[in-house]
Amino acid sequence: MVDVSDKEITKRTAYARGTIQVNHEIIEHIKNNTIEKGDVLGVARIAGIIVAKKTSDMIPLCHILMITNVTVDFEIDEENNQIYAFATVKCKGEDRGRNGSITRSKCDIINYL
């Protein structure tokens, strides 16, 4: 584990983006909120926030981050049958929020499957 005890506390922002390819039928169901289990993007957003808060439990030797804000946004690309997930993590501390943002974005994408 990296020793960050001598580092200055700073504000950090990390961004990540992920893409999932789906068929046109799935895009239509998501747009029209007609999936039996409910709001897919809403559930993925909540899952992403939870994962960001639990990053240090999932990545060995990852420092616990003092997260101050998490956002998860989605964009549907109907022409290419893709959904883009955009994740942002803001934190204060001696370590970067990069791992949290990237891990959360990947888990959001996996959540679609």
PDB file of N, CA and C in Angstrom:
ATOM      1  N   MET A   1       0.845  -1.180   0.000  1.00  0.00           N
ATOM      2  CA  MET A   1       0.000   0.000   0.000  1.00  0.00           C
ATOM      3  C   MET A   1       0.886   1.238   0.000  1.00  0.00           C
ATOM      4  N   VAL A   2       0.507   2.225  -0.770  1.00  0.00           N
ATOM      5  CA  VAL A   2       1.275   3.455  -0.866  1.00  0.00           C
ATOM      6  C   VAL A   2       1.029   4.307   0.372  1.00  0.00           C
ATOM      7  N   ASP A   3       2.106   4.839   0.940  1.00  0.00           N
ATOM      8  CA  ASP A   3       1.991   5.713   2.108  1.00  0.00           C
ATOM      9  C   ASP A   3       1.632   7.117   1.646  1.00  0.00           C
ATOM     10  N   VAL A   4       0.442   7.583   2.005  1.00  0.00           N
ATOM     11  CA  VAL A   4      -0.009   8.917   1.602  1.00  0.00           C
ATOM     12  C   VAL A   4      -0.055   9.878   2.783  1.00  0.00           C
ATOM     13  N   SER A   5       0.513   9.472   3.907  1.00  0.00           N
ATOM     14  CA  SER A   5       0.399  10.279   5.124  1.00  0.00           C
ATOM     15  C   SER A   5       1.078  11.641   5.013  1.00  0.00           C
ATOM     16  N   ASP A   6       2.086  11.789   4.160  1.00  0.00           N
ATOM     17  CA  ASP A   6       2.770  13.071   4.011  1.00  0.00           C
ATOM     18  C   ASP A   6       2.180  13.933   2.902  1.00  0.00           C
ATOM     19  N   LYS A   7       1.188  13.416   2.193  1.00  0.00           N
ATOM     20  CA  LYS A   7       0.582  14.192   1.111  1.00  0.00           C
ATOM     21  C   LYS A   7      -0.390  15.207   1.675  1.00  0.00           C
ATOM     22  N   GLU A   8      -0.515  16.312   0.961  1.00  0.00           N
ATOM     23  CA  GLU A   8      -1.446  17.373   1.337  1.00  0.00           C
ATOM     24  C   GLU A   8      -2.872  16.956   0.981  1.00  0.00           C
ATOM     25  N   ILE A   9      -3.830  17.361   1.802  1.00  0.00           N
ATOM     26  CA  ILE A   9      -5.237  17.088   1.490  1.00  0.00           C
ATOM     27  C   ILE A   9      -5.667  18.040   0.380  1.00  0.00           C
ATOM     28  N   THR A  10      -6.188  17.458  -0.687  1.00  0.00           N
ATOM     29  CA  THR A  10      -6.619  18.244  -1.834  1.00  0.00           C
ATOM     30  C   THR A  10      -7.990  17.782  -2.291  1.00  0.00           C
ATOM     31  N   LYS A  11      -8.629  18.627  -3.093  1.00  0.00           N
ATOM     32  CA  LYS A  11      -9.889  18.248  -3.726  1.00  0.00           C
ATOM     33  C   LYS A  11      -9.547  17.574  -5.048  1.00  0.00           C
ATOM     34  N   ARG A  12     -10.201  16.464  -5.323  1.00  0.00           N
ATOM     35  CA  ARG A  12      -9.931  15.714  -6.546  1.00  0.00           C
ATOM     36  C   ARG A  12     -11.246  15.388  -7.251  1.00  0.00           C
ATOM     37  N   THR A  13     -11.182  15.348  -8.568  1.00  0.00           N
ATOM     38  CA  THR A  13     -12.327  14.944  -9.371  1.00  0.00           C
ATOM     39  C   THR A  13     -11.843  13.925 -10.393  1.00  0.00           C
ATOM     40  N   ALA A  14     -12.566  12.812 -10.496  1.00  0.00           N
ATOM     41  CA  ALA A  14     -12.228  11.771 -11.465  1.00  0.00           C
ATOM     42  C   ALA A  14     -13.428  11.534 -12.365  1.00  0.00           C
ATOM     43  N   TYR A  15     -13.142  11.306 -13.646  1.00  0.00           N
ATOM     44  CA  TYR A  15     -14.184  11.050 -14.633  1.00  0.00           C
ATOM     45  C   TYR A  15     -13.922   9.707 -15.309  1.00  0.00           C
ATOM     46  N   ALA A  16     -14.988   9.000 -15.618  1.00  0.00           N
ATOM     47  CA  ALA A  16     -14.868   7.744 -16.368  1.00  0.00           C
ATOM     48  C   ALA A  16     -16.076   7.613 -17.283  1.00  0.00           C
ATOM     49  N   ARG A  17     -15.864   6.871 -18.361  1.00  0.00           N
ATOM     50  CA  ARG A  17     -16.946   6.655 -19.319  1.00  0.00           C
ATOM     51  C   ARG A  17     -16.908   5.202 -19.760  1.00  0.00           C
ATOM     52  N   GLY A  18     -18.089   4.603 -19.895  1.00  0.00           N
ATOM     53  CA  GLY A  18     -18.181   3.234 -20.386  1.00  0.00           C
ATOM     54  C   GLY A  18     -19.274   3.139 -21.427  1.00  0.00           C
ATOM     55  N   THR A  19     -19.198   2.143 -22.282  1.00  0.00           N
ATOM     56  CA  THR A  19     -20.177   1.953 -23.354  1.00  0.00           C
ATOM     57  C   THR A  19     -20.631   0.505 -23.366  1.00  0.00           C
ATOM     58  N   ILE A  20     -21.921   0.312 -23.601  1.00  0.00           N
ATOM     59  CA  ILE A  20     -22.433  -1.043 -23.787  1.00  0.00           C
ATOM     60  C   ILE A  20     -23.239  -1.071 -25.077  1.00  0.00           C
ATOM     61  N   GLN A  21     -23.021  -2.118 -25.832  1.00  0.00           N
ATOM     62  CA  GLN A  21     -23.740  -2.330 -27.092  1.00  0.00           C
ATOM     63  C   GLN A  21     -24.942  -3.219 -26.808  1.00  0.00           C
ATOM     64  N   VAL A  22     -26.118  -2.776 -27.230  1.00  0.00           N
ATOM     65  CA  VAL A  22     -27.346  -3.558 -27.052  1.00  0.00           C
ATOM     66  C   VAL A  22     -28.099  -3.577 -28.377  1.00  0.00           C
ATOM     67  N   ASN A  23     -29.141  -4.380 -28.454  1.00  0.00           N
ATOM     68  CA  ASN A  23     -29.933  -4.372 -29.686  1.00  0.00           C
ATOM     69  C   ASN A  23     -30.997  -3.270 -29.609  1.00  0.00           C
ATOM     70  N   HIS A  24     -31.609  -2.985 -30.738  1.00  0.00           N
ATOM     71  CA  HIS A  24     -32.581  -1.890 -30.834  1.00  0.00           C
ATOM     72  C   HIS A  24     -33.778  -2.108 -29.894  1.00  0.00           C
ATOM     73  N   GLU A  25     -34.191  -3.354 -29.734  1.00  0.00           N
ATOM     74  CA  GLU A  25     -35.327  -3.671 -28.864  1.00  0.00           C
ATOM     75  C   GLU A  25     -35.049  -3.232 -27.422  1.00  0.00           C
ATOM     76  N   ILE A  26     -33.847  -3.495 -26.952  1.00  0.00           N
ATOM     77  CA  ILE A  26     -33.474  -3.104 -25.580  1.00  0.00           C
ATOM     78  C   ILE A  26     -33.477  -1.572 -25.455  1.00  0.00           C
ATOM     79  N   ILE A  27     -32.938  -0.888 -26.445  1.00  0.00           N
ATOM     80  CA  ILE A  27     -32.942   0.585 -26.427  1.00  0.00           C
ATOM     81  C   ILE A  27     -34.376   1.097 -26.289  1.00  0.00           C
ATOM     82  N   GLU A  28     -35.286   0.534 -27.066  1.00  0.00           N
ATOM     83  CA  GLU A  28     -36.690   0.968 -27.026  1.00  0.00           C
ATOM     84  C   GLU A  28     -37.321   0.706 -25.659  1.00  0.00           C
ATOM     85  N   HIS A  29     -37.033  -0.466 -25.091  1.00  0.00           N
ATOM     86  CA  HIS A  29     -37.566  -0.787 -23.758  1.00  0.00           C
ATOM     87  C   HIS A  29     -37.033   0.185 -22.698  1.00  0.00           C
ATOM     88  N   ILE A  30     -35.753   0.497 -22.772  1.00  0.00           N
ATOM     89  CA  ILE A  30     -35.166   1.418 -21.793  1.00  0.00           C
ATOM     90  C   ILE A  30     -35.756   2.814 -21.962  1.00  0.00           C
ATOM     91  N   LYS A  31     -35.846   3.284 -23.194  1.00  0.00           N
ATOM     92  CA  LYS A  31     -36.410   4.619 -23.457  1.00  0.00           C
ATOM     93  C   LYS A  31     -37.851   4.733 -22.970  1.00  0.00           C
ATOM     94  N   ASN A  32     -38.633   3.678 -23.192  1.00  0.00           N
ATOM     95  CA  ASN A  32     -40.055   3.700 -22.850  1.00  0.00           C
ATOM     96  C   ASN A  32     -40.359   3.164 -21.453  1.00  0.00           C
ATOM     97  N   ASN A  33     -39.296   2.799 -20.714  1.00  0.00           N
ATOM     98  CA  ASN A  33     -39.423   2.255 -19.358  1.00  0.00           C
ATOM     99  C   ASN A  33     -40.416   1.080 -19.310  1.00  0.00           C
ATOM    100  N   THR A  34     -40.238   0.134 -20.236  1.00  0.00           N
ATOM    101  CA  THR A  34     -41.141  -1.016 -20.313  1.00  0.00           C
ATOM    102  C   THR A  34     -40.459  -2.331 -19.939  1.00  0.00           C
ATOM    103  N   ILE A  35     -39.353  -2.247 -19.236  1.00  0.00           N
ATOM    104  CA  ILE A  35     -38.690  -3.458 -18.747  1.00  0.00           C
ATOM    105  C   ILE A  35     -39.395  -3.876 -17.463  1.00  0.00           C
ATOM    106  N   GLU A  36     -39.735  -5.157 -17.368  1.00  0.00           N
ATOM    107  CA  GLU A  36     -40.538  -5.666 -16.243  1.00  0.00           C
ATOM    108  C   GLU A  36     -39.982  -5.296 -14.876  1.00  0.00           C
ATOM    109  N   LYS A  37     -38.668  -5.308 -14.742  1.00  0.00           N
ATOM    110  CA  LYS A  37     -38.061  -5.059 -13.429  1.00  0.00           C
ATOM    111  C   LYS A  37     -37.988  -3.583 -13.068  1.00  0.00           C
ATOM    112  N   GLY A  38     -38.398  -2.708 -13.986  1.00  0.00           N
ATOM    113  CA  GLY A  38     -38.441  -1.289 -13.639  1.00  0.00           C
ATOM    114  C   GLY A  38     -37.439  -0.438 -14.394  1.00  0.00           C
ATOM    115  N   ASP A  39     -37.097   0.680 -13.790  1.00  0.00           N
ATOM    116  CA  ASP A  39     -36.232   1.702 -14.384  1.00  0.00           C
ATOM    117  C   ASP A  39     -34.776   1.244 -14.385  1.00  0.00           C
ATOM    118  N   VAL A  40     -34.333   0.729 -15.518  1.00  0.00           N
ATOM    119  CA  VAL A  40     -32.984   0.171 -15.636  1.00  0.00           C
ATOM    120  C   VAL A  40     -31.913   1.218 -15.338  1.00  0.00           C
ATOM    121  N   LEU A  41     -32.043   2.396 -15.921  1.00  0.00           N
ATOM    122  CA  LEU A  41     -31.023   3.419 -15.719  1.00  0.00           C
ATOM    123  C   LEU A  41     -31.034   3.957 -14.285  1.00  0.00           C
ATOM    124  N   GLY A  42     -32.200   4.032 -13.684  1.00  0.00           N
ATOM    125  CA  GLY A  42     -32.279   4.457 -12.280  1.00  0.00           C
ATOM    126  C   GLY A  42     -31.589   3.473 -11.355  1.00  0.00           C
ATOM    127  N   VAL A  43     -31.829   2.186 -11.581  1.00  0.00           N
ATOM    128  CA  VAL A  43     -31.180   1.151 -10.768  1.00  0.00           C
ATOM    129  C   VAL A  43     -29.671   1.171 -11.000  1.00  0.00           C
ATOM    130  N   ALA A  44     -29.255   1.325 -12.255  1.00  0.00           N
ATOM    131  CA  ALA A  44     -27.819   1.376 -12.566  1.00  0.00           C
ATOM    132  C   ALA A  44     -27.167   2.581 -11.900  1.00  0.00           C
ATOM    133  N   ARG A  45     -27.866   3.709 -11.857  1.00  0.00           N
ATOM    134  CA  ARG A  45     -27.338   4.911 -11.213  1.00  0.00           C
ATOM    135  C   ARG A  45     -27.120   4.661  -9.713  1.00  0.00           C
ATOM    136  N   ILE A  46     -28.117   4.093  -9.057  1.00  0.00           N
ATOM    137  CA  ILE A  46     -27.992   3.798  -7.625  1.00  0.00           C
ATOM    138  C   ILE A  46     -26.872   2.788  -7.380  1.00  0.00           C
ATOM    139  N   ALA A  47     -26.813   1.750  -8.209  1.00  0.00           N
ATOM    140  CA  ALA A  47     -25.745   0.749  -8.072  1.00  0.00           C
ATOM    141  C   ALA A  47     -24.377   1.397  -8.238  1.00  0.00           C
ATOM    142  N   GLY A  48     -24.271   2.318  -9.188  1.00  0.00           N
ATOM    143  CA  GLY A  48     -23.002   3.003  -9.406  1.00  0.00           C
ATOM    144  C   GLY A  48     -22.562   3.812  -8.210  1.00  0.00           C
ATOM    145  N   ILE A  49     -23.495   4.496  -7.576  1.00  0.00           N
ATOM    146  CA  ILE A  49     -23.163   5.293  -6.391  1.00  0.00           C
ATOM    147  C   ILE A  49     -22.718   4.373  -5.245  1.00  0.00           C
ATOM    148  N   ILE A  50     -23.429   3.284  -5.062  1.00  0.00           N
ATOM    149  CA  ILE A  50     -23.061   2.326  -4.017  1.00  0.00           C
ATOM    150  C   ILE A  50     -21.671   1.760  -4.266  1.00  0.00           C
ATOM    151  N   VAL A  51     -21.394   1.391  -5.508  1.00  0.00           N
ATOM    152  CA  VAL A  51     -20.085   0.830  -5.844  1.00  0.00           C
ATOM    153  C   VAL A  51     -18.982   1.848  -5.591  1.00  0.00           C
ATOM    154  N   ALA A  52     -19.224   3.126  -5.923  1.00  0.00           N
ATOM    155  CA  ALA A  52     -18.211   4.154  -5.669  1.00  0.00           C
ATOM    156  C   ALA A  52     -17.879   4.228  -4.182  1.00  0.00           C
ATOM    157  N   LYS A  53     -18.893   4.094  -3.352  1.00  0.00           N
ATOM    158  CA  LYS A  53     -18.682   4.159  -1.910  1.00  0.00           C
ATOM    159  C   LYS A  53     -17.962   2.921  -1.377  1.00  0.00           C
ATOM    160  N   LYS A  54     -18.003   1.813  -2.109  1.00  0.00           N
ATOM    161  CA  LYS A  54     -17.412   0.549  -1.660  1.00  0.00           C
ATOM    162  C   LYS A  54     -16.129   0.186  -2.404  1.00  0.00           C
ATOM    163  N   THR A  55     -15.579   1.115  -3.166  1.00  0.00           N
ATOM    164  CA  THR A  55     -14.401   0.815  -3.989  1.00  0.00           C
ATOM    165  C   THR A  55     -13.261   0.215  -3.175  1.00  0.00           C
ATOM    166  N   SER A  56     -12.988   0.774  -2.006  1.00  0.00           N
ATOM    167  CA  SER A  56     -11.860   0.280  -1.210  1.00  0.00           C
ATOM    168  C   SER A  56     -12.078  -1.149  -0.725  1.00  0.00           C
ATOM    169  N   ASP A  57     -13.338  -1.617  -0.722  1.00  0.00           N
ATOM    170  CA  ASP A  57     -13.611  -3.006  -0.354  1.00  0.00           C
ATOM    171  C   ASP A  57     -13.360  -3.961  -1.526  1.00  0.00           C
ATOM    172  N   MET A  58     -13.375  -3.436  -2.741  1.00  0.00           N
ATOM    173  CA  MET A  58     -13.261  -4.288  -3.925  1.00  0.00           C
ATOM    174  C   MET A  58     -11.872  -4.290  -4.547  1.00  0.00           C
ATOM    175  N   ILE A  59     -11.107  -3.224  -4.364  1.00  0.00           N
ATOM    176  CA  ILE A  59      -9.770  -3.134  -4.954  1.00  0.00           C
ATOM    177  C   ILE A  59      -8.740  -3.295  -3.845  1.00  0.00           C
ATOM    178  N   PRO A  60      -7.916  -4.343  -3.932  1.00  0.00           N
ATOM    179  CA  PRO A  60      -6.904  -4.566  -2.902  1.00  0.00           C
ATOM    180  C   PRO A  60      -5.976  -3.346  -2.751  1.00  0.00           C
ATOM    181  N   LEU A  61      -5.700  -2.983  -1.526  1.00  0.00           N
ATOM    182  CA  LEU A  61      -4.789  -1.901  -1.161  1.00  0.00           C
ATOM    183  C   LEU A  61      -5.264  -0.511  -1.582  1.00  0.00           C
ATOM    184  N   CYS A  62      -6.519  -0.379  -1.929  1.00  0.00           N
ATOM    185  CA  CYS A  62      -7.078   0.928  -2.278  1.00  0.00           C
ATOM    186  C   CYS A  62      -7.404   1.686  -0.994  1.00  0.00           C
ATOM    187  N   HIS A  63      -6.982   2.944  -0.923  1.00  0.00           N
ATOM    188  CA  HIS A  63      -7.295   3.768   0.239  1.00  0.00           C
ATOM    189  C   HIS A  63      -8.789   4.090   0.271  1.00  0.00           C
ATOM    190  N   ILE A  64      -9.332   4.233   1.461  1.00  0.00           N
ATOM    191  CA  ILE A  64     -10.718   4.672   1.603  1.00  0.00           C
ATOM    192  C   ILE A  64     -10.777   6.137   1.183  1.00  0.00           C
ATOM    193  N   LEU A  65     -11.726   6.454   0.313  1.00  0.00           N
ATOM    194  CA  LEU A  65     -11.845   7.809  -0.198  1.00  0.00           C
ATOM    195  C   LEU A  65     -12.916   8.574   0.562  1.00  0.00           C
ATOM    196  N   MET A  66     -12.632   9.821   0.869  1.00  0.00           N
ATOM    197  CA  MET A  66     -13.611  10.693   1.508  1.00  0.00           C
ATOM    198  C   MET A  66     -14.417  11.361   0.393  1.00  0.00           C
ATOM    199  N   ILE A  67     -15.388  10.613  -0.122  1.00  0.00           N
ATOM    200  CA  ILE A  67     -16.168  11.058  -1.270  1.00  0.00           C
ATOM    201  C   ILE A  67     -17.113  12.187  -0.858  1.00  0.00           C
ATOM    202  N   THR A  68     -17.106  13.257  -1.665  1.00  0.00           N
ATOM    203  CA  THR A  68     -17.992  14.393  -1.398  1.00  0.00           C
ATOM    204  C   THR A  68     -19.139  14.476  -2.403  1.00  0.00           C
ATOM    205  N   ASN A  69     -18.987  13.816  -3.561  1.00  0.00           N
ATOM    206  CA  ASN A  69     -20.054  13.829  -4.560  1.00  0.00           C
ATOM    207  C   ASN A  69     -19.832  12.696  -5.557  1.00  0.00           C
ATOM    208  N   VAL A  70     -20.935  12.076  -5.975  1.00  0.00           N
ATOM    209  CA  VAL A  70     -20.903  11.048  -7.009  1.00  0.00           C
ATOM    210  C   VAL A  70     -22.044  11.334  -7.971  1.00  0.00           C
ATOM    211  N   THR A  71     -21.742  11.335  -9.269  1.00  0.00           N
ATOM    212  CA  THR A  71     -22.800  11.446 -10.262  1.00  0.00           C
ATOM    213  C   THR A  71     -22.640  10.331 -11.281  1.00  0.00           C
ATOM    214  N   VAL A  72     -23.763   9.848 -11.754  1.00  0.00           N
ATOM    215  CA  VAL A  72     -23.803   8.844 -12.806  1.00  0.00           C
ATOM    216  C   VAL A  72     -24.843   9.321 -13.815  1.00  0.00           C
ATOM    217  N   ASP A  73     -24.404   9.534 -15.038  1.00  0.00           N
ATOM    218  CA  ASP A  73     -25.307   9.996 -16.085  1.00  0.00           C
ATOM    219  C   ASP A  73     -25.259   9.023 -17.260  1.00  0.00           C
ATOM    220  N   PHE A  74     -26.330   9.001 -18.026  1.00  0.00           N
ATOM    221  CA  PHE A  74     -26.436   8.091 -19.161  1.00  0.00           C
ATOM    222  C   PHE A  74     -26.861   8.840 -20.403  1.00  0.00           C
ATOM    223  N   GLU A  75     -26.404   8.348 -21.518  1.00  0.00           N
ATOM    224  CA  GLU A  75     -26.801   8.878 -22.817  1.00  0.00           C
ATOM    225  C   GLU A  75     -27.124   7.694 -23.713  1.00  0.00           C
ATOM    226  N   ILE A  76     -28.283   7.723 -24.344  1.00  0.00           N
ATOM    227  CA  ILE A  76     -28.689   6.644 -25.249  1.00  0.00           C
ATOM    228  C   ILE A  76     -28.407   7.081 -26.678  1.00  0.00           C
ATOM    229  N   ASP A  77     -27.665   6.264 -27.395  1.00  0.00           N
ATOM    230  CA  ASP A  77     -27.341   6.496 -28.802  1.00  0.00           C
ATOM    231  C   ASP A  77     -28.157   5.499 -29.620  1.00  0.00           C
ATOM    232  N   GLU A  78     -29.325   5.945 -30.077  1.00  0.00           N
ATOM    233  CA  GLU A  78     -30.232   5.054 -30.804  1.00  0.00           C
ATOM    234  C   GLU A  78     -29.660   4.609 -32.147  1.00  0.00           C
ATOM    235  N   GLU A  79     -28.940   5.491 -32.790  1.00  0.00           N
ATOM    236  CA  GLU A  79     -28.397   5.178 -34.118  1.00  0.00           C
ATOM    237  C   GLU A  79     -27.415   4.006 -34.069  1.00  0.00           C
ATOM    238  N   ASN A  80     -26.600   3.946 -33.021  1.00  0.00           N
ATOM    239  CA  ASN A  80     -25.593   2.890 -32.894  1.00  0.00           C
ATOM    240  C   ASN A  80     -25.977   1.822 -31.874  1.00  0.00           C
ATOM    241  N   ASN A  81     -27.186   1.912 -31.302  1.00  0.00           N
ATOM    242  CA  ASN A  81     -27.648   0.960 -30.282  1.00  0.00           C
ATOM    243  C   ASN A  81     -26.651   0.836 -29.128  1.00  0.00           C
ATOM    244  N   GLN A  82     -26.247   1.980 -28.610  1.00  0.00           N
ATOM    245  CA  GLN A  82     -25.296   2.002 -27.498  1.00  0.00           C
ATOM    246  C   GLN A  82     -25.828   2.873 -26.368  1.00  0.00           C
ATOM    247  N   ILE A  83     -25.388   2.529 -25.178  1.00  0.00           N
ATOM    248  CA  ILE A  83     -25.683   3.346 -23.999  1.00  0.00           C
ATOM    249  C   ILE A  83     -24.340   3.733 -23.398  1.00  0.00           C
ATOM    250  N   TYR A  84     -24.175   5.028 -23.181  1.00  0.00           N
ATOM    251  CA  TYR A  84     -22.944   5.532 -22.584  1.00  0.00           C
ATOM    252  C   TYR A  84     -23.211   5.857 -21.121  1.00  0.00           C
ATOM    253  N   ALA A  85     -22.317   5.433 -20.250  1.00  0.00           N
ATOM    254  CA  ALA A  85     -22.394   5.763 -18.821  1.00  0.00           C
ATOM    255  C   ALA A  85     -21.242   6.705 -18.502  1.00  0.00           C
ATOM    256  N   PHE A  86     -21.563   7.824 -17.866  1.00  0.00           N
ATOM    257  CA  PHE A  86     -20.568   8.805 -17.471  1.00  0.00           C
ATOM    258  C   PHE A  86     -20.554   8.877 -15.944  1.00  0.00           C
ATOM    259  N   ALA A  87     -19.405   8.667 -15.360  1.00  0.00           N
ATOM    260  CA  ALA A  87     -19.285   8.656 -13.903  1.00  0.00           C
ATOM    261  C   ALA A  87     -18.329   9.759 -13.456  1.00  0.00           C
ATOM    262  N   THR A  88     -18.711  10.454 -12.407  1.00  0.00           N
ATOM    263  CA  THR A  88     -17.858  11.480 -11.812  1.00  0.00           C
ATOM    264  C   THR A  88     -17.814  11.264 -10.308  1.00  0.00           C
ATOM    265  N   VAL A  89     -16.606  11.299  -9.752  1.00  0.00           N
ATOM    266  CA  VAL A  89     -16.419  11.183  -8.311  1.00  0.00           C
ATOM    267  C   VAL A  89     -15.599  12.375  -7.848  1.00  0.00           C
ATOM    268  N   LYS A  90     -16.098  13.043  -6.821  1.00  0.00           N
ATOM    269  CA  LYS A  90     -15.343  14.131  -6.197  1.00  0.00           C
ATOM    270  C   LYS A  90     -15.002  13.711  -4.778  1.00  0.00           C
ATOM    271  N   CYS A  91     -13.789  14.034  -4.369  1.00  0.00           N
ATOM    272  CA  CYS A  91     -13.384  13.674  -3.011  1.00  0.00           C
ATOM    273  C   CYS A  91     -12.330  14.656  -2.504  1.00  0.00           C
ATOM    274  N   LYS A  92     -12.113  14.592  -1.202  1.00  0.00           N
ATOM    275  CA  LYS A  92     -11.041  15.341  -0.553  1.00  0.00           C
ATOM    276  C   LYS A  92     -10.161  14.316   0.128  1.00  0.00           C
ATOM    277  N   GLY A  93      -8.873  14.488  -0.001  1.00  0.00           N
ATOM    278  CA  GLY A  93      -7.979  13.563   0.682  1.00  0.00           C
ATOM    279  C   GLY A  93      -6.584  13.578   0.097  1.00  0.00           C
ATOM    280  N   GLU A  94      -5.800  12.627   0.570  1.00  0.00           N
ATOM    281  CA  GLU A  94      -4.417  12.511   0.135  1.00  0.00           C
ATOM    282  C   GLU A  94      -4.288  11.615  -1.091  1.00  0.00           C
ATOM    283  N   ASP A  95      -5.358  10.918  -1.446  1.00  0.00           N
ATOM    284  CA  ASP A  95      -5.318   9.975  -2.554  1.00  0.00           C
ATOM    285  C   ASP A  95      -6.282  10.432  -3.638  1.00  0.00           C
ATOM    286  N   ARG A  96      -6.167   9.875  -4.816  1.00  0.00           N
ATOM    287  CA  ARG A  96      -7.024  10.243  -5.947  1.00  0.00           C
ATOM    288  C   ARG A  96      -8.303   9.432  -5.960  1.00  0.00           C
ATOM    289  N   GLY A  97      -9.349   9.992  -6.591  1.00  0.00           N
ATOM    290  CA  GLY A  97     -10.623   9.302  -6.719  1.00  0.00           C
ATOM    291  C   GLY A  97     -10.747   8.479  -7.992  1.00  0.00           C
ATOM    292  N   ARG A  98      -9.660   8.385  -8.732  1.00  0.00           N
ATOM    293  CA  ARG A  98      -9.679   7.721 -10.038  1.00  0.00           C
ATOM    294  C   ARG A  98     -10.200   6.292  -9.959  1.00  0.00           C
ATOM    295  N   ASN A  99      -9.729   5.490  -9.009  1.00  0.00           N
ATOM    296  CA  ASN A  99     -10.174   4.096  -8.912  1.00  0.00           C
ATOM    297  C   ASN A  99     -11.673   3.990  -8.693  1.00  0.00           C
ATOM    298  N   GLY A 100     -12.218   4.860  -7.863  1.00  0.00           N
ATOM    299  CA  GLY A 100     -13.654   4.828  -7.585  1.00  0.00           C
ATOM    300  C   GLY A 100     -14.479   5.121  -8.815  1.00  0.00           C
ATOM    301  N   SER A 101     -14.059   6.131  -9.566  1.00  0.00           N
ATOM    302  CA  SER A 101     -14.816   6.508 -10.747  1.00  0.00           C
ATOM    303  C   SER A 101     -14.775   5.418 -11.814  1.00  0.00           C
ATOM    304  N   ILE A 102     -13.602   4.889 -12.052  1.00  0.00           N
ATOM    305  CA  ILE A 102     -13.463   3.853 -13.078  1.00  0.00           C
ATOM    306  C   ILE A 102     -14.204   2.589 -12.667  1.00  0.00           C
ATOM    307  N   THR A 103     -14.031   2.149 -11.424  1.00  0.00           N
ATOM    308  CA  THR A 103     -14.709   0.942 -10.961  1.00  0.00           C
ATOM    309  C   THR A 103     -16.215   1.103 -11.044  1.00  0.00           C
ATOM    310  N   ARG A 104     -16.723   2.266 -10.636  1.00  0.00           N
ATOM    311  CA  ARG A 104     -18.149   2.482 -10.668  1.00  0.00           C
ATOM    312  C   ARG A 104     -18.681   2.449 -12.094  1.00  0.00           C
ATOM    313  N   SER A 105     -17.976   3.076 -13.004  1.00  0.00           N
ATOM    314  CA  SER A 105     -18.432   3.078 -14.394  1.00  0.00           C
ATOM    315  C   SER A 105     -18.514   1.666 -14.949  1.00  0.00           C
ATOM    316  N   LYS A 106     -17.528   0.855 -14.658  1.00  0.00           N
ATOM    317  CA  LYS A 106     -17.528  -0.527 -15.146  1.00  0.00           C
ATOM    318  C   LYS A 106     -18.675  -1.314 -14.525  1.00  0.00           C
ATOM    319  N   CYS A 107     -18.936  -1.106 -13.247  1.00  0.00           N
ATOM    320  CA  CYS A 107     -20.037  -1.824 -12.596  1.00  0.00           C
ATOM    321  C   CYS A 107     -21.388  -1.370 -13.123  1.00  0.00           C
ATOM    322  N   ASP A 108     -21.516  -0.085 -13.478  1.00  0.00           N
ATOM    323  CA  ASP A 108     -22.756   0.393 -14.095  1.00  0.00           C
ATOM    324  C   ASP A 108     -23.026  -0.363 -15.390  1.00  0.00           C
ATOM    325  N   ILE A 109     -21.993  -0.513 -16.195  1.00  0.00           N
ATOM    326  CA  ILE A 109     -22.141  -1.196 -17.470  1.00  0.00           C
ATOM    327  C   ILE A 109     -22.507  -2.663 -17.241  1.00  0.00           C
ATOM    328  N   ILE A 110     -21.827  -3.319 -16.322  1.00  0.00           N
ATOM    329  CA  ILE A 110     -22.122  -4.721 -16.019  1.00  0.00           C
ATOM    330  C   ILE A 110     -23.562  -4.868 -15.525  1.00  0.00           C
ATOM    331  N   ASN A 111     -24.060  -3.871 -14.801  1.00  0.00           N
ATOM    332  CA  ASN A 111     -25.414  -3.909 -14.261  1.00  0.00           C
ATOM    333  C   ASN A 111     -26.464  -4.044 -15.378  1.00  0.00           C
ATOM    334  N   TYR A 112     -26.189  -3.541 -16.570  1.00  0.00           N
ATOM    335  CA  TYR A 112     -27.121  -3.673 -17.687  1.00  0.00           C
ATOM    336  C   TYR A 112     -27.300  -5.122 -18.106  1.00  0.00           C
ATOM    337  N   LEU A 113     -26.237  -5.904 -17.972  1.00  0.00           N
ATOM    338  CA  LEU A 113     -26.270  -7.278 -18.441  1.00  0.00           C
ATOM    339  C   LEU A 113     -27.177  -8.086 -17.567  1.00  0.00           C
TER     340      LEU A 113
END
